[in-house]
Amino acid sequence: MAAGPTTRVSDVVVPEIFTVYTQNYTAEKSRLIQSGLLNSSALLDEKLAGGGLTFHMPAFKDLDNDAERTSTDTSVPFADADASLPSGVVRPPDPKKIGTLTEIAVRMNRNQSWSTSDLAAALAGADPMQAIGNRVGAYWVRRLQVAFIAAWKGVIADNTANDSGDYTFDASGSSFVDGVTNFSAAAFLDATLTMGDSMDDLRAIMVHSVVYNRMQKNNLIDFIPDAVNPNAAKVPTFLGREVVVDDGMPRSGGVYQTWLFGEGATQFGRGTPKVPTEVERKAGGGNGGGQDVLYNRVEWSIHPTGHSFIGGSIPEGGPSNTGTGGPDLDEAASWNRVYPERKQIRFARLLTRES
């Protein structure tokens, strides 16, 4: 019996449709985006559509908290400020000025490829392009979380080195003491207090699964329906804040980091590479049997609000997450806080020691 026709990746992947599908899948499935930990930025999208590795984003500072003046009816008008003053008339004070600052975001060009052998199971699906798109989209969801964690690790390292570590409350102690060093509502609230009277701005939590397990054991988790997909599994919350669980969260020995975020703490831009999706036919692949290779490319900018990426000698593709010796995302030397007040940074870190 003759064999049926062979389905190749190039037969089912239409690059333009595939690119849009995978981008939409990433946005739909990423809890970072759905929880608001990553806020889509039209400004960063616009910057990525142009050239350059870094983008300068001017902003106004908040008004200084100077004491207000008491109004009178005895001052001369501003236009007559140089005139001689009659007895008892007060010269008007100079008006206050609003300051400016500049944040610097960085472009990240990333890509990956997969051969037919890796996609063989997907090709057997009822809708091969959707099946492949799901796998590729799920890959970028995971990589987006890795890059997000790397960027905030770098920001935290800079904060520890240069800003007295004022993002952090440390409950970990020198050794494990049950009910004291592990995660608790009291420790969480102490971490929010690093924001002062802006503590209620923190709306989401990112934890390691070990910490999440502790939260569940202590009956601290409530579950609510997913607002985006009511048929999906319910979303865990703690004190009204969504909980995102990721085993990529930093830990050292028994000390685990928990991160608290407010709305807009991290801005996210997506660009469009010149050729986002390609399928290449390798005639010599598979020992001459032929091979299809699927290439997929993304352009991102993950920007912790209130900071600047200051790493020098950035590679053409942008910084790596970690470990290259260059200006990686997770390095203290790559970042600098430019917002003048700590409470303007809608982020806090809690350190706990778990058994």
Protein backbone atom coordinates (compact mmCIF):
# COMPACT_ATOMS: atom_id res chain seq x y z
CA MET A 1 0.00 0.00 0.00
CA ALA A 2 1.41 3.34 -1.00
CA ALA A 3 2.27 5.76 1.78
CA GLY A 4 0.24 8.94 2.04
CA PRO A 5 1.71 12.38 1.35
CA THR A 6 4.16 13.76 3.92
CA THR A 7 3.07 16.91 5.75
CA ARG A 8 5.90 19.41 6.04
CA VAL A 9 6.14 22.43 8.30
CA SER A 10 6.18 24.67 5.25
CA ASP A 11 2.86 23.13 4.16
CA VAL A 12 1.02 24.26 7.27
CA VAL A 13 2.82 27.36 8.59
CA VAL A 14 1.76 30.59 6.89
CA PRO A 15 4.32 33.03 8.34
CA GLU A 16 2.07 36.11 8.58
CA ILE A 17 -0.77 34.19 10.25
CA PHE A 18 1.57 32.13 12.41
CA THR A 19 3.31 35.26 13.77
CA VAL A 20 0.04 36.88 14.82
CA TYR A 21 -1.22 33.63 16.33
CA THR A 22 1.88 33.09 18.47
CA GLN A 23 1.91 36.73 19.62
CA ASN A 24 -1.74 36.52 20.64
CA TYR A 25 -1.17 33.18 22.35
CA THR A 26 1.71 34.64 24.37
CA ALA A 27 -0.38 37.61 25.49
CA GLU A 28 -3.37 35.41 26.34
CA LYS A 29 -1.49 32.76 28.30
CA SER A 30 1.07 34.86 30.15
CA ARG A 31 0.01 35.41 33.75
CA LEU A 32 2.52 38.28 33.82
CA ILE A 33 0.41 40.14 31.29
CA GLN A 34 -2.99 39.00 32.55
CA SER A 35 -2.15 39.89 36.17
CA GLY A 36 -0.83 43.34 35.26
CA LEU A 37 2.75 42.57 36.30
CA LEU A 38 3.61 43.51 32.72
CA ASN A 39 1.74 46.53 31.37
CA SER A 40 1.63 46.94 27.60
CA SER A 41 3.22 50.25 26.61
CA ALA A 42 2.24 51.96 23.35
CA LEU A 43 5.28 54.21 23.77
CA LEU A 44 7.67 51.25 23.91
CA ASP A 45 5.89 49.64 20.95
CA GLU A 46 6.51 52.85 19.02
CA LYS A 47 10.16 52.98 20.07
CA LEU A 48 10.72 49.38 19.00
CA ALA A 49 9.28 50.19 15.57
CA GLY A 50 12.20 52.56 15.04
CA GLY A 51 15.94 52.12 15.41
CA GLY A 52 18.34 52.04 18.31
CA LEU A 53 19.20 49.69 21.15
CA THR A 54 18.15 52.06 23.94
CA PHE A 55 15.25 54.50 24.18
CA HIS A 56 15.21 57.72 26.20
CA MET A 57 11.82 58.45 27.76
CA PRO A 58 11.61 61.94 29.36
CA ALA A 59 9.13 62.40 32.20
CA PHE A 60 8.15 65.05 34.70
CA LYS A 61 9.00 64.62 38.36
CA ASP A 62 6.30 65.00 40.97
CA LEU A 63 5.94 68.44 42.51
CA ASP A 64 8.14 69.00 45.57
CA ASN A 65 6.34 68.86 48.90
CA ASP A 66 7.14 72.49 49.79
CA ALA A 67 5.00 74.25 52.35
CA GLU A 68 2.25 76.30 50.78
CA ARG A 69 2.13 80.08 51.15
CA THR A 70 -0.51 82.13 52.96
CA SER A 71 -2.37 84.38 50.56
CA THR A 72 -2.46 88.17 51.06
CA ASP A 73 -3.66 91.21 49.12
CA THR A 74 -0.52 93.30 49.69
CA SER A 75 1.95 91.86 47.18
CA VAL A 76 2.95 93.60 43.96
CA PRO A 77 2.11 91.85 40.67
CA PHE A 78 4.77 89.59 39.18
CA ALA A 79 5.20 92.00 36.26
CA ASP A 80 6.37 94.71 38.69
CA ALA A 81 8.85 92.51 40.52
CA ASP A 82 11.74 94.95 39.85
CA ALA A 83 9.83 98.02 41.05
CA SER A 84 10.65 99.65 44.37
CA LEU A 85 8.26 98.47 47.05
CA PRO A 86 6.08 100.73 49.19
CA SER A 87 6.32 100.30 52.91
CA GLY A 88 4.58 97.15 54.09
CA VAL A 89 4.31 95.57 50.62
CA VAL A 90 5.87 92.11 50.25
CA ARG A 91 7.70 91.14 47.07
CA PRO A 92 6.10 88.00 45.60
CA PRO A 93 8.15 84.82 45.81
CA ASP A 94 9.41 83.12 42.67
CA PRO A 95 7.05 80.39 41.43
CA LYS A 96 8.17 76.81 41.91
CA LYS A 97 9.42 74.76 38.97
CA ILE A 98 8.63 71.19 37.98
CA GLY A 99 11.66 68.96 37.48
CA THR A 100 12.29 66.43 34.74
CA LEU A 101 14.00 63.07 34.52
CA THR A 102 14.82 60.52 31.85
CA GLU A 103 14.26 56.78 31.92
CA ILE A 104 16.18 54.55 29.52
CA ALA A 105 14.68 51.33 28.18
CA VAL A 106 16.53 48.68 26.16
CA ARG A 107 15.66 46.60 23.10
CA MET A 108 15.79 42.80 23.32
CA ASN A 109 16.03 40.83 20.05
CA ARG A 110 15.43 37.14 20.68
CA ASN A 111 14.96 34.12 18.41
CA GLN A 112 14.70 30.32 18.47
CA SER A 113 14.42 27.55 15.91
CA TRP A 114 12.99 24.03 15.89
CA SER A 115 13.50 21.19 13.45
CA THR A 116 10.83 18.85 12.12
CA SER A 117 11.79 16.11 14.52
CA ASP A 118 10.92 18.41 17.44
CA LEU A 119 7.58 19.25 15.84
CA ALA A 120 6.62 15.76 14.68
CA ALA A 121 3.94 15.34 17.34
CA ALA A 122 2.47 18.72 16.49
CA LEU A 123 2.27 17.80 12.82
CA ALA A 124 -0.01 14.91 13.74
CA GLY A 125 -2.59 17.28 15.21
CA ALA A 126 -5.97 18.00 13.68
CA ASP A 127 -4.87 21.60 13.01
CA PRO A 128 -1.08 21.40 12.60
CA MET A 129 -0.45 25.14 12.43
CA GLN A 130 -2.43 25.75 15.62
CA ALA A 131 -0.66 22.86 17.33
CA ILE A 132 2.77 24.20 16.33
CA GLY A 133 1.71 27.73 17.28
CA ASN A 134 0.64 26.55 20.72
CA ARG A 135 4.02 24.96 21.33
CA VAL A 136 5.98 27.96 20.10
CA GLY A 137 3.70 30.38 21.95
CA ALA A 138 4.09 28.41 25.18
CA TYR A 139 7.85 28.55 24.73
CA TRP A 140 7.80 32.38 24.51
CA VAL A 141 5.50 32.60 27.53
CA ARG A 142 8.16 30.80 29.57
CA ARG A 143 11.01 32.85 28.14
CA LEU A 144 9.16 36.09 28.80
CA GLN A 145 8.94 35.17 32.48
CA VAL A 146 12.66 34.33 32.56
CA ALA A 147 13.56 37.73 31.08
CA PHE A 148 11.14 39.51 33.44
CA ILE A 149 12.74 37.87 36.47
CA ALA A 150 16.25 38.66 35.18
CA ALA A 151 15.42 42.36 34.75
CA TRP A 152 14.05 42.68 38.27
CA LYS A 153 16.99 40.74 39.72
CA GLY A 154 19.24 43.39 38.20
CA VAL A 155 17.10 46.21 39.58
CA ILE A 156 17.14 44.62 43.04
CA ALA A 157 20.93 44.18 42.87
CA ASP A 158 21.31 47.87 42.00
CA ASN A 159 18.94 48.83 44.82
CA THR A 160 20.90 46.75 47.31
CA ALA A 161 24.22 48.24 46.20
CA ASN A 162 23.22 51.87 45.76
CA ASP A 163 19.92 52.64 47.52
CA SER A 164 20.35 50.96 50.90
CA GLY A 165 18.16 48.05 49.83
CA ASP A 166 15.01 50.04 50.58
CA TYR A 167 12.83 47.76 48.43
CA THR A 168 13.34 44.84 50.81
CA PHE A 169 11.99 43.53 54.11
CA ASP A 170 14.02 40.59 55.40
CA ALA A 171 12.21 38.14 57.68
CA SER A 172 14.54 35.21 56.92
CA GLY A 173 16.72 35.36 60.05
CA SER A 174 19.89 33.34 60.40
CA SER A 175 18.15 29.96 60.70
CA PHE A 176 14.69 28.52 60.16
CA VAL A 177 12.14 29.14 62.92
CA ASP A 178 8.66 27.92 62.07
CA GLY A 179 6.11 30.70 62.25
CA VAL A 180 8.83 33.36 62.42
CA THR A 181 11.09 33.17 59.38
CA ASN A 182 8.67 31.65 56.87
CA PHE A 183 6.02 33.46 54.85
CA SER A 184 3.23 34.99 56.90
CA ALA A 185 0.66 37.72 56.54
CA ALA A 186 2.59 39.80 59.08
CA ALA A 187 5.84 39.55 57.07
CA PHE A 188 3.96 40.38 53.90
CA LEU A 189 2.48 43.52 55.46
CA ASP A 190 5.91 44.57 56.72
CA ALA A 191 7.17 44.29 53.14
CA THR A 192 4.35 46.51 51.89
CA LEU A 193 5.33 49.06 54.53
CA THR A 194 8.56 49.74 52.63
CA MET A 195 6.18 51.72 50.36
CA GLY A 196 5.00 53.87 53.30
CA ASP A 197 1.53 55.31 52.79
CA SER A 198 1.55 53.99 49.20
CA MET A 199 1.48 50.37 50.41
CA ASP A 200 -1.96 49.75 48.91
CA ASP A 201 -0.51 50.36 45.42
CA LEU A 202 0.94 46.83 45.49
CA ARG A 203 -1.60 44.65 43.66
CA ALA A 204 0.11 41.37 42.66
CA ILE A 205 2.56 38.87 44.15
CA MET A 206 5.14 36.60 42.51
CA VAL A 207 6.34 33.60 44.53
CA HIS A 208 8.28 30.35 44.30
CA SER A 209 6.18 27.19 44.56
CA VAL A 210 7.73 26.42 47.97
CA VAL A 211 6.45 29.73 49.31
CA TYR A 212 3.11 29.16 47.59
CA ASN A 213 2.87 25.79 49.32
CA ARG A 214 3.47 27.52 52.66
CA MET A 215 0.73 30.04 51.88
CA GLN A 216 -1.72 27.23 51.14
CA LYS A 217 -0.79 25.31 54.28
CA ASN A 218 -1.54 28.44 56.30
CA ASN A 219 -4.91 28.87 54.52
CA LEU A 220 -3.82 32.23 53.13
CA ILE A 221 -4.96 31.64 49.52
CA ASP A 222 -8.37 32.43 48.04
CA PHE A 223 -9.37 31.45 44.52
CA ILE A 224 -11.40 33.60 42.14
CA PRO A 225 -12.59 33.03 38.54
CA ASP A 226 -10.25 34.09 35.76
CA ALA A 227 -11.63 37.38 34.41
CA VAL A 228 -10.17 36.71 30.95
CA ASN A 229 -11.17 33.05 30.62
CA PRO A 230 -13.94 32.02 33.04
CA ASN A 231 -13.54 28.38 31.97
CA ALA A 232 -9.89 28.27 33.02
CA ALA A 233 -8.63 27.22 36.43
CA LYS A 234 -9.40 29.72 39.17
CA VAL A 235 -6.78 32.36 39.96
CA PRO A 236 -5.06 32.26 43.39
CA THR A 237 -5.15 35.47 45.42
CA PHE A 238 -3.73 36.64 48.73
CA LEU A 239 -5.35 39.57 50.55
CA GLY A 240 -7.05 40.49 47.29
CA ARG A 241 -3.83 40.38 45.29
CA GLU A 242 -3.24 37.92 42.45
CA VAL A 243 -0.52 35.35 43.08
CA VAL A 244 1.78 34.28 40.21
CA VAL A 245 3.83 31.13 40.90
CA ASP A 246 7.17 30.62 39.14
CA ASP A 247 10.04 28.34 40.18
CA GLY A 248 12.42 30.75 38.47
CA MET A 249 12.00 33.07 41.43
CA PRO A 250 15.37 33.64 43.14
CA ARG A 251 16.30 31.59 46.17
CA SER A 252 19.55 30.87 47.99
CA GLY A 253 19.65 27.86 50.26
CA GLY A 254 16.46 28.06 52.30
CA VAL A 255 15.89 31.79 51.68
CA TYR A 256 13.21 32.60 49.11
CA GLN A 257 12.30 35.88 47.49
CA THR A 258 8.70 37.05 47.12
CA TRP A 259 8.06 40.06 44.90
CA LEU A 260 5.16 42.49 45.24
CA PHE A 261 4.11 44.67 42.31
CA GLY A 262 1.82 47.61 41.71
CA GLU A 263 0.02 48.57 38.52
CA GLY A 264 2.48 49.90 35.97
CA ALA A 265 5.58 48.70 37.85
CA THR A 266 6.89 47.08 34.66
CA GLN A 267 6.27 48.32 31.13
CA PHE A 268 6.30 45.94 28.19
CA GLY A 269 6.84 46.77 24.54
CA ARG A 270 6.60 44.44 21.55
CA GLY A 271 8.18 45.16 18.20
CA THR A 272 8.09 43.31 14.90
CA PRO A 273 11.32 41.81 13.53
CA LYS A 274 11.93 42.24 9.81
CA VAL A 275 11.11 38.54 9.28
CA PRO A 276 9.35 37.22 12.40
CA THR A 277 8.73 33.69 11.06
CA GLU A 278 10.55 31.59 8.46
CA VAL A 279 10.61 27.96 7.41
CA GLU A 280 13.85 26.65 5.90
CA ARG A 281 14.23 23.41 3.95
CA LYS A 282 17.53 21.63 4.59
CA ALA A 283 18.01 19.03 1.87
CA GLY A 284 21.01 17.51 3.67
CA GLY A 285 19.30 17.31 7.03
CA GLY A 286 18.36 13.96 8.50
CA ASN A 287 21.36 12.33 6.84
CA GLY A 288 20.07 13.36 3.45
CA GLY A 289 16.45 12.57 4.19
CA GLY A 290 15.58 16.26 4.34
CA GLN A 291 14.61 18.48 7.22
CA ASP A 292 12.37 21.49 7.83
CA VAL A 293 13.45 24.15 10.35
CA LEU A 294 11.04 26.69 11.81
CA TYR A 295 12.53 30.03 12.92
CA ASN A 296 10.64 32.42 15.16
CA ARG A 297 11.84 35.86 16.29
CA VAL A 298 10.60 38.42 18.80
CA GLU A 299 11.49 41.97 19.80
CA TRP A 300 10.73 42.99 23.38
CA SER A 301 11.45 45.70 25.85
CA ILE A 302 10.88 44.87 29.52
CA HIS A 303 11.27 48.07 31.49
CA PRO A 304 11.00 48.41 35.30
CA THR A 305 9.34 51.80 35.67
CA GLY A 306 11.42 54.50 37.31
CA HIS A 307 14.76 52.97 36.27
CA SER A 308 17.26 53.34 33.46
CA PHE A 309 19.23 50.66 31.68
CA ILE A 310 22.79 52.00 31.85
CA GLY A 311 24.85 48.95 30.85
CA GLY A 312 27.53 49.90 28.35
CA SER A 313 28.68 48.01 25.22
CA ILE A 314 25.27 46.45 24.60
CA PRO A 315 25.42 43.65 22.00
CA GLU A 316 23.58 44.26 18.74
CA GLY A 317 20.77 41.93 19.81
CA GLY A 318 20.39 43.61 23.18
CA PRO A 319 21.33 42.31 26.63
CA SER A 320 21.14 38.65 27.58
CA ASN A 321 19.35 37.54 30.70
CA THR A 322 22.44 36.40 32.57
CA GLY A 323 25.89 34.93 32.46
CA THR A 324 27.56 36.50 29.41
CA GLY A 325 29.81 38.91 31.28
CA GLY A 326 28.28 41.77 29.30
CA PRO A 327 25.55 44.16 30.39
CA ASP A 328 23.13 41.36 31.30
CA LEU A 329 19.64 42.11 32.56
CA ASP A 330 20.32 40.62 36.00
CA GLU A 331 23.40 42.73 36.83
CA ALA A 332 23.43 45.64 39.28
CA ALA A 333 25.66 47.65 36.94
CA SER A 334 23.00 47.51 34.21
CA TRP A 335 20.40 49.56 36.10
CA ASN A 336 19.96 52.80 38.00
CA ARG A 337 16.93 54.20 39.80
CA VAL A 338 15.97 57.61 38.47
CA TYR A 339 12.73 58.26 40.36
CA PRO A 340 13.66 60.39 43.39
CA GLU A 341 11.29 58.82 45.94
CA ARG A 342 11.24 55.18 46.99
CA LYS A 343 7.42 55.07 47.14
CA GLN A 344 7.26 56.01 43.44
CA ILE A 345 8.64 52.54 42.64
CA ARG A 346 5.65 50.23 42.90
CA PHE A 347 7.63 47.22 43.98
CA ALA A 348 8.69 45.53 47.21
CA ARG A 349 10.63 42.39 48.07
CA LEU A 350 10.13 39.99 50.96
CA LEU A 351 12.79 37.50 52.06
CA THR A 352 11.64 34.45 54.03
CA ARG A 353 13.34 31.26 55.13
CA GLU A 354 11.30 28.15 54.42
CA SER A 355 11.80 24.63 55.81
